Amino acid sequence: MDPGLRALAVAGLAPLLLACQAGGAGAAASPPPAIKVVEMRLGRAVGDDKRVRQPQDVFAAPDTFFLSVETEGTSPRAVLKVRWTRGSEVLAETEQAIAADGSAVTEFHLRKSGGWPPGEYAAELLLDQVSAGRRSLSVKQTP
């Protein structure tokens, strides 16, 4: 290849290479999420490690709803919030701030004195105000 042509080709490619390294034409690359939800489990109880051991989505009226949330990642502060609903009615919202460095498990629960009426319920998890998952559950009439 002619040395002059080679120099012209290199000079033409240099701005493109620099743009790729800088993330394109002024576009900032968005960082990956610092924390992600790995697993959500519903059940009637949690162990000492805050994990639901026997996942289930059908409950009886006197049961307490437990939700264990496993996260991975690193963040000095993230907020997990669970919105408990029955149909369109919000029953409760509970949140916990966590400081994570690796894998962590957070437990949420909801109980009602006098028991739950039969019907369909849900637990929606929000991570820093963004929906990170939803689990449906139902309460069946006990004979």
Protein backbone atom coordinates (compact mmCIF):
# COMPACT_ATOMS: atom_id res chain seq x y z
CA MET A 1 0.00 0.00 0.00
CA ASP A 2 1.24 3.48 -0.81
CA PRO A 3 2.62 5.16 2.39
CA GLY A 4 0.60 8.33 1.72
CA LEU A 5 -2.61 6.34 1.32
CA ARG A 6 -1.84 4.38 4.49
CA ALA A 7 -1.36 7.60 6.49
CA LEU A 8 -4.65 8.95 5.14
CA ALA A 9 -6.50 5.73 6.10
CA VAL A 10 -5.06 5.78 9.64
CA ALA A 11 -5.94 9.45 10.04
CA GLY A 12 -9.50 8.73 8.91
CA LEU A 13 -9.93 5.83 11.36
CA ALA A 14 -8.50 7.57 14.42
CA PRO A 15 -11.61 9.68 15.21
CA LEU A 16 -13.83 6.59 14.88
CA LEU A 17 -11.68 4.60 17.30
CA LEU A 18 -11.68 7.45 19.81
CA ALA A 19 -15.47 7.77 19.55
CA CYS A 20 -15.91 4.04 20.25
CA GLN A 21 -13.68 4.27 23.32
CA ALA A 22 -15.59 7.28 24.61
CA GLY A 23 -18.95 5.50 24.28
CA GLY A 24 -20.01 6.94 20.93
CA ALA A 25 -20.80 10.48 19.89
CA GLY A 26 -21.04 11.93 23.39
CA ALA A 27 -23.39 9.21 24.67
CA ALA A 28 -22.63 8.10 28.20
CA ALA A 29 -22.74 4.36 28.72
CA SER A 30 -25.20 3.48 31.47
CA PRO A 31 -23.61 1.48 34.28
CA PRO A 32 -25.03 -1.95 35.05
CA PRO A 33 -27.34 -2.11 38.08
CA ALA A 34 -25.35 -2.25 41.30
CA ILE A 35 -27.80 -4.71 42.88
CA LYS A 36 -30.12 -7.20 41.24
CA VAL A 37 -32.87 -9.42 42.62
CA VAL A 38 -31.93 -13.07 42.24
CA GLU A 39 -34.92 -14.77 43.88
CA MET A 40 -38.23 -14.02 45.60
CA ARG A 41 -40.02 -16.71 47.64
CA LEU A 42 -43.38 -16.65 49.42
CA GLY A 43 -44.16 -18.93 52.34
CA ARG A 44 -45.58 -19.29 55.85
CA ALA A 45 -42.25 -19.04 57.68
CA VAL A 46 -38.57 -18.17 57.31
CA GLY A 47 -35.49 -19.74 58.84
CA ASP A 48 -32.74 -18.05 60.85
CA ASP A 49 -31.13 -17.07 57.53
CA LYS A 50 -34.33 -15.16 56.52
CA ARG A 51 -35.04 -17.62 53.68
CA VAL A 52 -38.44 -19.17 53.01
CA ARG A 53 -37.74 -22.90 53.28
CA GLN A 54 -41.04 -24.20 51.90
CA PRO A 55 -42.27 -21.91 49.13
CA GLN A 56 -46.00 -21.75 48.60
CA ASP A 57 -48.60 -19.47 47.15
CA VAL A 58 -51.75 -20.82 48.86
CA PHE A 59 -52.40 -19.70 52.44
CA ALA A 60 -55.02 -20.18 55.14
CA ALA A 61 -56.82 -17.29 56.85
CA PRO A 62 -54.66 -17.23 60.04
CA ASP A 63 -51.30 -17.45 58.20
CA THR A 64 -48.64 -14.77 58.08
CA PHE A 65 -47.35 -14.01 54.57
CA PHE A 66 -43.54 -14.14 54.37
CA LEU A 67 -41.48 -12.98 51.40
CA SER A 68 -37.75 -13.61 51.26
CA VAL A 69 -35.75 -11.63 48.71
CA GLU A 70 -32.25 -12.63 47.66
CA THR A 71 -30.09 -9.94 46.06
CA GLU A 72 -26.61 -9.87 44.60
CA GLY A 73 -24.30 -6.95 44.03
CA THR A 74 -22.62 -4.12 45.79
CA SER A 75 -24.14 -0.84 46.89
CA PRO A 76 -23.64 1.36 49.94
CA ARG A 77 -27.43 1.85 50.04
CA ALA A 78 -30.42 0.44 48.21
CA VAL A 79 -34.06 0.42 49.23
CA LEU A 80 -36.25 -2.66 48.93
CA LYS A 81 -39.99 -2.06 49.26
CA VAL A 82 -42.84 -4.58 49.19
CA ARG A 83 -46.34 -3.47 48.28
CA TRP A 84 -48.91 -5.99 49.54
CA THR A 85 -52.22 -5.83 47.67
CA ARG A 86 -55.61 -7.51 47.43
CA GLY A 87 -57.01 -6.69 44.01
CA SER A 88 -56.45 -2.96 43.55
CA GLU A 89 -56.41 -2.27 47.32
CA VAL A 90 -52.98 -1.61 48.86
CA LEU A 91 -52.92 -3.40 52.22
CA ALA A 92 -49.46 -2.28 53.32
CA GLU A 93 -46.08 -1.11 52.10
CA THR A 94 -42.92 -2.00 53.99
CA GLU A 95 -39.40 -1.04 53.07
CA GLN A 96 -35.89 -1.78 54.20
CA ALA A 97 -32.66 -0.01 53.32
CA ILE A 98 -29.78 -2.41 52.71
CA ALA A 99 -26.05 -1.99 52.26
CA ALA A 100 -24.92 -4.92 50.17
CA ASP A 101 -21.58 -6.42 49.34
CA GLY A 102 -22.27 -9.69 47.56
CA SER A 103 -25.26 -11.93 48.24
CA ALA A 104 -27.87 -10.88 50.81
CA VAL A 105 -31.32 -12.05 51.94
CA THR A 106 -34.00 -9.68 53.21
CA GLU A 107 -37.27 -10.81 54.81
CA PHE A 108 -40.67 -9.12 54.71
CA HIS A 109 -43.89 -10.30 56.33
CA LEU A 110 -47.49 -9.30 56.72
CA ARG A 111 -50.01 -10.58 59.24
CA LYS A 112 -53.57 -9.69 60.08
CA SER A 113 -55.16 -10.26 63.45
CA GLY A 114 -58.44 -12.03 62.90
CA GLY A 115 -57.17 -13.63 59.69
CA TRP A 116 -57.27 -12.94 55.97
CA PRO A 117 -60.48 -13.05 53.97
CA PRO A 118 -60.41 -15.58 51.12
CA GLY A 119 -59.22 -14.13 47.83
CA GLU A 120 -56.32 -13.24 45.58
CA TYR A 121 -53.38 -11.21 46.90
CA ALA A 122 -49.99 -10.10 45.59
CA ALA A 123 -46.60 -8.91 46.78
CA GLU A 124 -44.79 -6.52 44.45
CA LEU A 125 -41.11 -5.83 45.10
CA LEU A 126 -39.58 -2.47 44.23
CA LEU A 127 -35.83 -1.93 44.18
CA ASP A 128 -35.05 1.78 44.47
CA GLN A 129 -38.64 2.58 43.37
CA VAL A 130 -38.45 0.34 40.24
CA SER A 131 -40.51 -2.85 40.05
CA ALA A 132 -38.24 -5.87 40.47
CA GLY A 133 -40.85 -8.64 40.57
CA ARG A 134 -44.27 -9.72 41.69
CA ARG A 135 -45.59 -12.85 43.37
CA SER A 136 -49.27 -13.81 43.46
CA LEU A 137 -50.82 -15.67 46.38
CA SER A 138 -54.26 -16.73 47.43
CA VAL A 139 -56.07 -17.33 50.68
CA LYS A 140 -58.44 -20.29 50.64
CA GLN A 141 -61.43 -20.79 52.90
CA THR A 142 -60.63 -23.38 55.54
CA PRO A 143 -63.34 -26.02 56.09
